Amino acid sequence: MLLDEDSQAKYLVNLLQSAGHDVITVKSVDLMNHPDAIVLDFARQSKRVLLTRNCDDFQELHQINPLHSGIFAVYQGSDVAKNMSYQDILKAITNLELAEYAIQNQFIILNQWNY
């Protein structure tokens, strides 16, 4: 999994890794401040699912070229209390895995999998 700039908090990285996910960040692969298209291309080439909070831009890129390992989108609103915590993100990913949901070539809103 590749974590976008807005999602690469060390605590989230540690949570995902502790759950057995192979996680890298855009910082660790020198993609900080690069255009979103380059970040998604890196995810494609390295066959990694991309986790981002930059939902609108990556949804647009997905619509242009939906061939990728998957995009996990975490929507945030103005009401911080309703936003997903790091634990909620892990729980949603776990729910996706348990459901054996096909991730490849999909733009997946993780908020919908947090139950």
Protein backbone atom coordinates (compact mmCIF):
# COMPACT_ATOMS: atom_id res chain seq x y z
CA MET A 1 0.00 0.00 0.00
CA LEU A 2 1.20 3.52 -0.81
CA LEU A 3 0.11 6.29 1.55
CA ASP A 4 -0.37 9.71 -0.01
CA GLU A 5 1.08 12.87 1.57
CA ASP A 6 -2.12 13.55 3.48
CA SER A 7 -2.25 10.04 4.95
CA GLN A 8 1.28 9.17 5.95
CA ALA A 9 1.11 9.76 9.69
CA LYS A 10 3.55 7.48 11.47
CA TYR A 11 0.79 6.13 13.74
CA LEU A 12 -1.31 5.09 10.73
CA VAL A 13 1.74 3.50 9.08
CA ASN A 14 2.46 1.54 12.27
CA LEU A 15 -1.18 0.43 12.64
CA LEU A 16 -1.33 -0.84 9.07
CA GLN A 17 2.05 -2.56 9.32
CA SER A 18 1.09 -4.21 12.62
CA ALA A 19 -1.97 -5.61 10.84
CA GLY A 20 0.31 -7.18 8.22
CA HIS A 21 0.12 -4.63 5.42
CA ASP A 22 3.17 -3.80 3.32
CA VAL A 23 3.12 0.00 3.61
CA ILE A 24 5.29 2.70 2.10
CA THR A 25 4.74 6.46 2.06
CA VAL A 26 5.22 9.02 -0.67
CA LYS A 27 7.93 10.53 1.53
CA SER A 28 9.85 7.25 1.68
CA VAL A 29 9.93 7.01 -2.14
CA ASP A 30 10.74 10.71 -2.74
CA LEU A 31 7.36 11.66 -4.17
CA MET A 32 6.56 14.52 -1.79
CA ASN A 33 5.06 17.52 -3.61
CA HIS A 34 4.81 15.60 -6.89
CA PRO A 35 1.65 15.83 -8.98
CA ASP A 36 -1.07 13.32 -8.12
CA ALA A 37 -0.76 11.69 -11.55
CA ILE A 38 2.87 10.81 -10.81
CA VAL A 39 1.94 9.40 -7.39
CA LEU A 40 -0.77 7.23 -8.97
CA ASP A 41 1.62 6.12 -11.73
CA PHE A 42 4.11 5.03 -9.07
CA ALA A 43 1.34 3.08 -7.31
CA ARG A 44 0.45 1.46 -10.65
CA GLN A 45 4.03 0.49 -11.45
CA SER A 46 4.70 -0.87 -7.98
CA LYS A 47 1.31 -2.64 -7.90
CA ARG A 48 0.27 -0.90 -4.69
CA VAL A 49 -3.13 0.28 -3.54
CA LEU A 50 -3.09 4.03 -2.92
CA LEU A 51 -4.60 5.44 0.29
CA THR A 52 -5.50 9.13 0.13
CA ARG A 53 -7.70 11.85 1.56
CA ASN A 54 -7.35 13.80 -1.69
CA CYS A 55 -10.49 12.15 -2.98
CA ASP A 56 -11.68 14.48 -5.72
CA ASP A 57 -8.36 14.66 -7.56
CA PHE A 58 -7.75 10.92 -7.43
CA GLN A 59 -11.33 10.13 -8.43
CA GLU A 60 -10.77 12.29 -11.50
CA LEU A 61 -7.52 10.44 -12.28
CA HIS A 62 -9.33 7.13 -11.78
CA GLN A 63 -12.00 8.17 -14.29
CA ILE A 64 -9.31 9.08 -16.82
CA ASN A 65 -7.48 5.76 -16.38
CA PRO A 66 -9.11 3.17 -14.10
CA LEU A 67 -6.28 0.65 -14.48
CA HIS A 68 -4.48 0.48 -11.13
CA SER A 69 -4.25 -1.69 -8.02
CA GLY A 70 -6.99 0.28 -6.30
CA ILE A 71 -7.54 3.62 -4.60
CA PHE A 72 -8.73 3.85 -1.00
CA ALA A 73 -10.38 7.24 -0.51
CA VAL A 74 -11.04 8.68 2.93
CA TYR A 75 -13.52 11.56 2.83
CA GLN A 76 -13.33 14.22 5.52
CA GLY A 77 -15.95 16.78 6.39
CA SER A 78 -15.99 20.00 8.33
CA ASP A 79 -17.27 18.13 11.41
CA VAL A 80 -14.03 16.62 12.69
CA ALA A 81 -15.92 14.35 15.10
CA LYS A 82 -17.43 12.49 12.13
CA ASN A 83 -14.12 11.95 10.31
CA MET A 84 -12.45 8.54 10.27
CA SER A 85 -9.78 7.89 12.87
CA TYR A 86 -6.70 5.84 12.00
CA GLN A 87 -8.32 2.87 13.72
CA ASP A 88 -11.46 3.40 11.59
CA ILE A 89 -9.33 3.35 8.44
CA LEU A 90 -7.74 0.04 9.47
CA LYS A 91 -11.17 -1.36 10.37
CA ALA A 92 -12.59 -0.38 6.97
CA ILE A 93 -9.67 -2.01 5.15
CA THR A 94 -10.12 -5.15 7.26
CA ASN A 95 -13.84 -5.19 6.42
CA LEU A 96 -12.99 -4.95 2.71
CA GLU A 97 -10.59 -7.87 3.03
CA LEU A 98 -13.07 -9.99 4.98
CA ALA A 99 -15.72 -9.34 2.33
CA GLU A 100 -13.18 -10.43 -0.33
CA TYR A 101 -14.12 -7.30 -2.25
CA ALA A 102 -12.27 -6.87 -5.56
CA ILE A 103 -10.00 -3.86 -5.09
CA GLN A 104 -8.09 -3.79 -8.36
CA ASN A 105 -9.15 -0.96 -10.71
CA GLN A 106 -11.63 0.35 -8.10
CA PHE A 107 -12.03 3.74 -6.42
CA ILE A 108 -13.22 2.69 -2.97
CA ILE A 109 -14.64 5.09 -0.42
CA LEU A 110 -13.40 3.65 2.87
CA ASN A 111 -15.96 5.63 4.87
CA GLN A 112 -18.60 3.24 3.52
CA TRP A 113 -16.69 0.22 4.87
CA ASN A 114 -16.37 1.51 8.41
CA TYR A 115 -19.00 -0.48 10.31
